[in-house]
């Protein structure tokens, strides 16, 4: 039964609203209250979309190869191989100091094991870009924490806000503790090294 039927402030700009109790609600719970709750819910969902990356596909399979410190091959349950480039990080190239160590570190983490890969992008080399999870642990982040990779800030806007902050903090901690490659007096970022190699080959 409607209670206190009166015109009130509009729920939406330019639209008048009627105040009355919803069936089964406590006295004093009006349509405006329900509308406000709905708008708050919509706002929360929109905020989640803003701070999160696009919906990712989940690829599950066994790691059958590790090319270097940030590239692996995953064999799925249909026996299809997927080359995966770890998102959000950049490990030393194989000819750089710590390049082989980075490959060994990643191998210890994932080789021969079943992983899940959150992926929503393919790079120009046909590799799927993704976050590699093993037993719920973020292998990409583990590489940065171990001082075996940089946080790849060039692509940080493609990461979820929480991941971006975690990876940046992990690199800062590794630098401060002189962990892994940060023991080098002047480590060269892989993207700078690759640029130098390209220029030398011209």
C-alpha atoms as a PDB file:
ATOM      1  CA  UNK A   1       0.000   0.000   0.000  1.00  0.00           C
ATOM      2  CA  UNK A   2       1.388   3.419  -0.930  1.00  0.00           C
ATOM      3  CA  UNK A   3       2.360   5.657   1.923  1.00  0.00           C
ATOM      4  CA  UNK A   4       2.811   9.444   1.898  1.00  0.00           C
ATOM      5  CA  UNK A   5       2.193   9.962  -1.830  1.00  0.00           C
ATOM      6  CA  UNK A   6       3.830  13.307  -2.619  1.00  0.00           C
ATOM      7  CA  UNK A   7       6.040  14.912  -5.253  1.00  0.00           C
ATOM      8  CA  UNK A   8       9.653  15.206  -4.156  1.00  0.00           C
ATOM      9  CA  UNK A   9      13.049  16.209  -5.537  1.00  0.00           C
ATOM     10  CA  UNK A  10      13.668  14.426  -8.858  1.00  0.00           C
ATOM     11  CA  UNK A  11      15.535  11.134  -8.975  1.00  0.00           C
ATOM     12  CA  UNK A  12      17.039  12.158 -12.304  1.00  0.00           C
ATOM     13  CA  UNK A  13      17.490  15.745 -13.527  1.00  0.00           C
ATOM     14  CA  UNK A  14      14.235  17.040 -14.944  1.00  0.00           C
ATOM     15  CA  UNK A  15      12.206  14.027 -13.777  1.00  0.00           C
ATOM     16  CA  UNK A  16       9.821  14.222 -10.822  1.00  0.00           C
ATOM     17  CA  UNK A  17       9.526  11.186  -8.569  1.00  0.00           C
ATOM     18  CA  UNK A  18       6.750   9.841  -6.373  1.00  0.00           C
ATOM     19  CA  UNK A  19       7.479   8.885  -2.808  1.00  0.00           C
ATOM     20  CA  UNK A  20       5.814   5.727  -1.583  1.00  0.00           C
ATOM     21  CA  UNK A  21       6.826   2.657   0.334  1.00  0.00           C
ATOM     22  CA  UNK A  22       7.901  -0.406  -1.616  1.00  0.00           C
ATOM     23  CA  UNK A  23       5.954  -3.563  -0.730  1.00  0.00           C
ATOM     24  CA  UNK A  24       7.723  -5.583   1.935  1.00  0.00           C
ATOM     25  CA  UNK A  25      10.066  -2.745   2.982  1.00  0.00           C
ATOM     26  CA  UNK A  26      10.301  -1.001   6.289  1.00  0.00           C
ATOM     27  CA  UNK A  27       8.301   2.208   6.739  1.00  0.00           C
ATOM     28  CA  UNK A  28      10.217   5.164   5.419  1.00  0.00           C
ATOM     29  CA  UNK A  29      11.991   3.200   2.643  1.00  0.00           C
ATOM     30  CA  UNK A  30      11.054   5.082  -0.513  1.00  0.00           C
ATOM     31  CA  UNK A  31      11.695   4.738  -4.209  1.00  0.00           C
ATOM     32  CA  UNK A  32      14.334   7.461  -3.923  1.00  0.00           C
ATOM     33  CA  UNK A  33      16.218   5.232  -1.486  1.00  0.00           C
ATOM     34  CA  UNK A  34      16.088   2.299  -3.900  1.00  0.00           C
ATOM     35  CA  UNK A  35      17.173   4.537  -6.766  1.00  0.00           C
ATOM     36  CA  UNK A  36      20.100   5.885  -4.754  1.00  0.00           C
ATOM     37  CA  UNK A  37      21.214   2.347  -3.931  1.00  0.00           C
ATOM     38  CA  UNK A  38      20.990   1.433  -7.622  1.00  0.00           C
ATOM     39  CA  UNK A  39      23.053   4.459  -8.680  1.00  0.00           C
ATOM     40  CA  UNK A  40      25.699   3.651  -6.087  1.00  0.00           C
ATOM     41  CA  UNK A  41      25.912   0.090  -7.391  1.00  0.00           C
ATOM     42  CA  UNK A  42      26.246   1.310 -10.979  1.00  0.00           C
ATOM     43  CA  UNK A  43      28.936   3.770  -9.894  1.00  0.00           C
ATOM     44  CA  UNK A  44      30.887   1.004  -8.178  1.00  0.00           C
ATOM     45  CA  UNK A  45      30.709  -1.181 -11.276  1.00  0.00           C
ATOM     46  CA  UNK A  46      31.846   1.665 -13.525  1.00  0.00           C
ATOM     47  CA  UNK A  47      34.761   2.400 -11.191  1.00  0.00           C
ATOM     48  CA  UNK A  48      35.792  -1.251 -11.320  1.00  0.00           C
ATOM     49  CA  UNK A  49      35.820  -1.090 -15.119  1.00  0.00           C
ATOM     50  CA  UNK A  50      37.955   2.056 -15.070  1.00  0.00           C
ATOM     51  CA  UNK A  51      40.650   0.673 -12.757  1.00  0.00           C
ATOM     52  CA  UNK A  52      40.714  -2.852 -14.241  1.00  0.00           C
ATOM     53  CA  UNK A  53      42.049  -3.990 -17.595  1.00  0.00           C
ATOM     54  CA  UNK A  54      39.839  -5.451 -20.308  1.00  0.00           C
ATOM     55  CA  UNK A  55      38.366  -8.849 -19.558  1.00  0.00           C
ATOM     56  CA  UNK A  56      41.097 -11.439 -20.063  1.00  0.00           C
ATOM     57  CA  UNK A  57      40.907 -14.925 -21.522  1.00  0.00           C
ATOM     58  CA  UNK A  58      42.198 -17.707 -19.293  1.00  0.00           C
ATOM     59  CA  UNK A  59      44.559 -20.186 -20.907  1.00  0.00           C
ATOM     60  CA  UNK A  60      45.533 -23.292 -18.952  1.00  0.00           C
ATOM     61  CA  UNK A  61      48.295 -25.693 -19.851  1.00  0.00           C
ATOM     62  CA  UNK A  62      51.730 -27.112 -19.179  1.00  0.00           C
ATOM     63  CA  UNK A  63      54.891 -25.079 -19.698  1.00  0.00           C
ATOM     64  CA  UNK A  64      56.967 -27.028 -22.228  1.00  0.00           C
ATOM     65  CA  UNK A  65      59.642 -24.446 -23.043  1.00  0.00           C
ATOM     66  CA  UNK A  66      61.282 -21.357 -21.566  1.00  0.00           C
ATOM     67  CA  UNK A  67      62.958 -19.175 -24.187  1.00  0.00           C
ATOM     68  CA  UNK A  68      64.303 -16.509 -21.837  1.00  0.00           C
ATOM     69  CA  UNK A  69      63.389 -14.615 -18.695  1.00  0.00           C
ATOM     70  CA  UNK A  70      60.036 -13.411 -19.992  1.00  0.00           C
ATOM     71  CA  UNK A  71      58.908 -15.813 -22.728  1.00  0.00           C
ATOM     72  CA  UNK A  72      57.506 -19.336 -22.363  1.00  0.00           C
ATOM     73  CA  UNK A  73      55.568 -21.899 -24.393  1.00  0.00           C
ATOM     74  CA  UNK A  74      52.399 -23.419 -22.949  1.00  0.00           C
ATOM     75  CA  UNK A  75      50.815 -26.633 -24.257  1.00  0.00           C
ATOM     76  CA  UNK A  76      47.050 -26.634 -23.691  1.00  0.00           C
ATOM     77  CA  UNK A  77      44.825 -29.687 -23.226  1.00  0.00           C
ATOM     78  CA  UNK A  78      44.091 -29.832 -26.962  1.00  0.00           C
ATOM     79  CA  UNK A  79      47.842 -30.146 -27.633  1.00  0.00           C
ATOM     80  CA  UNK A  80      48.090 -26.658 -29.119  1.00  0.00           C
ATOM     81  CA  UNK A  81      51.207 -24.666 -28.221  1.00  0.00           C
ATOM     82  CA  UNK A  82      50.963 -21.013 -27.220  1.00  0.00           C
ATOM     83  CA  UNK A  83      53.959 -18.732 -27.011  1.00  0.00           C
ATOM     84  CA  UNK A  84      53.481 -16.427 -24.023  1.00  0.00           C
ATOM     85  CA  UNK A  85      55.256 -13.133 -23.375  1.00  0.00           C
ATOM     86  CA  UNK A  86      54.977 -12.306 -19.667  1.00  0.00           C
ATOM     87  CA  UNK A  87      53.031  -9.069 -19.252  1.00  0.00           C
ATOM     88  CA  UNK A  88      54.288  -6.109 -17.261  1.00  0.00           C
ATOM     89  CA  UNK A  89      57.937  -7.156 -17.116  1.00  0.00           C
ATOM     90  CA  UNK A  90      61.075  -7.096 -19.255  1.00  0.00           C
ATOM     91  CA  UNK A  91      63.911  -9.493 -18.428  1.00  0.00           C
ATOM     92  CA  UNK A  92      67.538  -9.144 -19.563  1.00  0.00           C
ATOM     93  CA  UNK A  93      68.212 -10.457 -23.046  1.00  0.00           C
ATOM     94  CA  UNK A  94      70.188 -13.685 -23.220  1.00  0.00           C
ATOM     95  CA  UNK A  95      73.422 -11.901 -24.207  1.00  0.00           C
ATOM     96  CA  UNK A  96      73.084  -9.395 -21.372  1.00  0.00           C
ATOM     97  CA  UNK A  97      74.435  -9.885 -17.844  1.00  0.00           C
ATOM     98  CA  UNK A  98      71.895 -11.961 -15.918  1.00  0.00           C
ATOM     99  CA  UNK A  99      70.162 -12.986 -19.140  1.00  0.00           C
ATOM    100  CA  UNK A 100      70.882 -16.676 -18.588  1.00  0.00           C
ATOM    101  CA  UNK A 101      70.198 -16.358 -14.864  1.00  0.00           C
ATOM    102  CA  UNK A 102      66.789 -14.847 -15.616  1.00  0.00           C
ATOM    103  CA  UNK A 103      65.963 -17.755 -17.917  1.00  0.00           C
ATOM    104  CA  UNK A 104      66.989 -20.232 -15.219  1.00  0.00           C
ATOM    105  CA  UNK A 105      64.919 -18.379 -12.621  1.00  0.00           C
ATOM    106  CA  UNK A 106      61.795 -18.523 -14.770  1.00  0.00           C
ATOM    107  CA  UNK A 107      62.458 -22.184 -15.591  1.00  0.00           C
ATOM    108  CA  UNK A 108      62.645 -23.001 -11.892  1.00  0.00           C
ATOM    109  CA  UNK A 109      59.325 -21.257 -11.391  1.00  0.00           C
ATOM    110  CA  UNK A 110      57.245 -22.710 -14.203  1.00  0.00           C
ATOM    111  CA  UNK A 111      58.938 -25.297 -16.442  1.00  0.00           C
ATOM    112  CA  UNK A 112      57.069 -28.583 -16.581  1.00  0.00           C
ATOM    113  CA  UNK A 113      54.277 -27.199 -14.430  1.00  0.00           C
ATOM    114  CA  UNK A 114      50.637 -26.440 -15.109  1.00  0.00           C
ATOM    115  CA  UNK A 115      49.891 -22.748 -15.244  1.00  0.00           C
ATOM    116  CA  UNK A 116      47.016 -20.406 -15.939  1.00  0.00           C
ATOM    117  CA  UNK A 117      47.623 -17.428 -18.189  1.00  0.00           C
ATOM    118  CA  UNK A 118      45.430 -14.338 -18.105  1.00  0.00           C
ATOM    119  CA  UNK A 119      45.782 -12.924 -21.602  1.00  0.00           C
ATOM    120  CA  UNK A 120      43.986 -10.311 -23.674  1.00  0.00           C
ATOM    121  CA  UNK A 121      46.568  -9.231 -26.240  1.00  0.00           C
ATOM    122  CA  UNK A 122      48.798 -10.602 -29.017  1.00  0.00           C
ATOM    123  CA  UNK A 123      52.022  -8.782 -29.916  1.00  0.00           C
ATOM    124  CA  UNK A 124      53.482  -8.212 -33.370  1.00  0.00           C
ATOM    125  CA  UNK A 125      55.465 -11.464 -33.106  1.00  0.00           C
ATOM    126  CA  UNK A 126      52.305 -13.497 -32.537  1.00  0.00           C
ATOM    127  CA  UNK A 127      52.971 -14.052 -28.844  1.00  0.00           C
ATOM    128  CA  UNK A 128      50.116 -13.852 -26.376  1.00  0.00           C
ATOM    129  CA  UNK A 129      50.780 -11.269 -23.667  1.00  0.00           C
ATOM    130  CA  UNK A 130      49.704 -12.448 -20.253  1.00  0.00           C
ATOM    131  CA  UNK A 131      50.047 -12.831 -16.526  1.00  0.00           C
ATOM    132  CA  UNK A 132      51.250 -16.322 -15.660  1.00  0.00           C
ATOM    133  CA  UNK A 133      49.832 -17.857 -12.497  1.00  0.00           C
ATOM    134  CA  UNK A 134      51.121 -21.014 -10.871  1.00  0.00           C
ATOM    135  CA  UNK A 135      49.121 -22.265  -7.905  1.00  0.00           C
ATOM    136  CA  UNK A 136      47.723 -18.741  -7.673  1.00  0.00           C
ATOM    137  CA  UNK A 137      51.174 -17.148  -7.545  1.00  0.00           C
ATOM    138  CA  UNK A 138      52.014 -14.411 -10.040  1.00  0.00           C
ATOM    139  CA  UNK A 139      55.183 -15.614 -11.819  1.00  0.00           C
ATOM    140  CA  UNK A 140      55.647 -12.244 -13.541  1.00  0.00           C
ATOM    141  CA  UNK A 141      55.754 -10.449 -10.204  1.00  0.00           C
ATOM    142  CA  UNK A 142      58.047 -13.150  -8.780  1.00  0.00           C
ATOM    143  CA  UNK A 143      60.609 -12.386 -11.496  1.00  0.00           C
ATOM    144  CA  UNK A 144      60.657  -8.703 -10.571  1.00  0.00           C
ATOM    145  CA  UNK A 145      60.851  -9.515  -6.866  1.00  0.00           C
ATOM    146  CA  UNK A 146      63.848 -11.792  -7.497  1.00  0.00           C
ATOM    147  CA  UNK A 147      65.668  -8.989  -9.305  1.00  0.00           C
ATOM    148  CA  UNK A 148      65.522 -10.875 -12.601  1.00  0.00           C
ATOM    149  CA  UNK A 149      63.324  -8.446 -14.516  1.00  0.00           C
ATOM    150  CA  UNK A 150      62.326  -4.820 -14.743  1.00  0.00           C
ATOM    151  CA  UNK A 151      58.794  -3.571 -14.299  1.00  0.00           C
ATOM    152  CA  UNK A 152      58.018  -2.716 -17.943  1.00  0.00           C
ATOM    153  CA  UNK A 153      56.632   0.763 -17.374  1.00  0.00           C
ATOM    154  CA  UNK A 154      56.142   1.430 -21.078  1.00  0.00           C
ATOM    155  CA  UNK A 155      53.104  -0.856 -20.909  1.00  0.00           C
ATOM    156  CA  UNK A 156      52.042  -0.301 -17.313  1.00  0.00           C
ATOM    157  CA  UNK A 157      48.760   1.336 -18.335  1.00  0.00           C
ATOM    158  CA  UNK A 158      47.687  -2.071 -19.674  1.00  0.00           C
ATOM    159  CA  UNK A 159      47.947  -3.539 -16.175  1.00  0.00           C
ATOM    160  CA  UNK A 160      45.324  -3.507 -13.471  1.00  0.00           C
ATOM    161  CA  UNK A 161      46.022  -0.732 -10.972  1.00  0.00           C
ATOM    162  CA  UNK A 162      46.808  -3.238  -8.227  1.00  0.00           C
ATOM    163  CA  UNK A 163      49.342  -5.078 -10.416  1.00  0.00           C
ATOM    164  CA  UNK A 164      50.953  -1.846 -11.547  1.00  0.00           C
ATOM    165  CA  UNK A 165      51.522  -0.770  -7.957  1.00  0.00           C
ATOM    166  CA  UNK A 166      52.783  -4.208  -6.883  1.00  0.00           C
ATOM    167  CA  UNK A 167      55.269  -4.498  -9.754  1.00  0.00           C
ATOM    168  CA  UNK A 168      56.604  -0.973  -9.251  1.00  0.00           C
ATOM    169  CA  UNK A 169      57.043  -1.578  -5.525  1.00  0.00           C
ATOM    170  CA  UNK A 170      58.753  -4.939  -6.141  1.00  0.00           C
ATOM    171  CA  UNK A 171      61.290  -3.310  -8.451  1.00  0.00           C
ATOM    172  CA  UNK A 172      62.003  -0.548  -5.952  1.00  0.00           C
ATOM    173  CA  UNK A 173      62.573  -3.123  -3.212  1.00  0.00           C
ATOM    174  CA  UNK A 174      64.844  -5.237  -5.427  1.00  0.00           C
ATOM    175  CA  UNK A 175      66.872  -2.163  -6.386  1.00  0.00           C
ATOM    176  CA  UNK A 176      67.195  -1.045  -2.774  1.00  0.00           C
ATOM    177  CA  UNK A 177      68.258  -4.522  -1.648  1.00  0.00           C
ATOM    178  CA  UNK A 178      70.634  -4.985  -4.604  1.00  0.00           C
ATOM    179  CA  UNK A 179      68.904  -8.250  -5.442  1.00  0.00           C
ATOM    180  CA  UNK A 180      69.721 -10.139  -8.638  1.00  0.00           C
ATOM    181  CA  UNK A 181      70.688  -7.938 -11.564  1.00  0.00           C
ATOM    182  CA  UNK A 182      70.645  -4.903  -9.289  1.00  0.00           C
ATOM    183  CA  UNK A 183      74.015  -6.064  -7.960  1.00  0.00           C
ATOM    184  CA  UNK A 184      75.447  -4.767 -11.226  1.00  0.00           C
ATOM    185  CA  UNK A 185      76.938  -1.264 -10.892  1.00  0.00           C
ATOM    186  CA  UNK A 186      74.974   0.050 -13.885  1.00  0.00           C
ATOM    187  CA  UNK A 187      72.447  -2.467 -15.230  1.00  0.00           C
ATOM    188  CA  UNK A 188      71.204  -1.682 -18.734  1.00  0.00           C
ATOM    189  CA  UNK A 189      67.475  -1.961 -19.271  1.00  0.00           C
ATOM    190  CA  UNK A 190      66.617  -4.549 -21.964  1.00  0.00           C
ATOM    191  CA  UNK A 191      64.763  -2.005 -24.120  1.00  0.00           C
ATOM    192  CA  UNK A 192      67.873   0.206 -24.170  1.00  0.00           C
ATOM    193  CA  UNK A 193      70.071  -2.789 -24.951  1.00  0.00           C
ATOM    194  CA  UNK A 194      67.829  -3.824 -27.843  1.00  0.00           C
ATOM    195  CA  UNK A 195      67.894  -0.298 -29.214  1.00  0.00           C
ATOM    196  CA  UNK A 196      71.684  -0.344 -29.098  1.00  0.00           C
ATOM    197  CA  UNK A 197      71.781  -3.683 -30.911  1.00  0.00           C
ATOM    198  CA  UNK A 198      69.493  -2.375 -33.640  1.00  0.00           C
ATOM    199  CA  UNK A 199      71.575   0.745 -34.112  1.00  0.00           C
ATOM    200  CA  UNK A 200      74.795  -1.293 -34.226  1.00  0.00           C
ATOM    201  CA  UNK A 201      73.286  -3.480 -36.962  1.00  0.00           C
ATOM    202  CA  UNK A 202      72.382  -0.564 -39.205  1.00  0.00           C
END
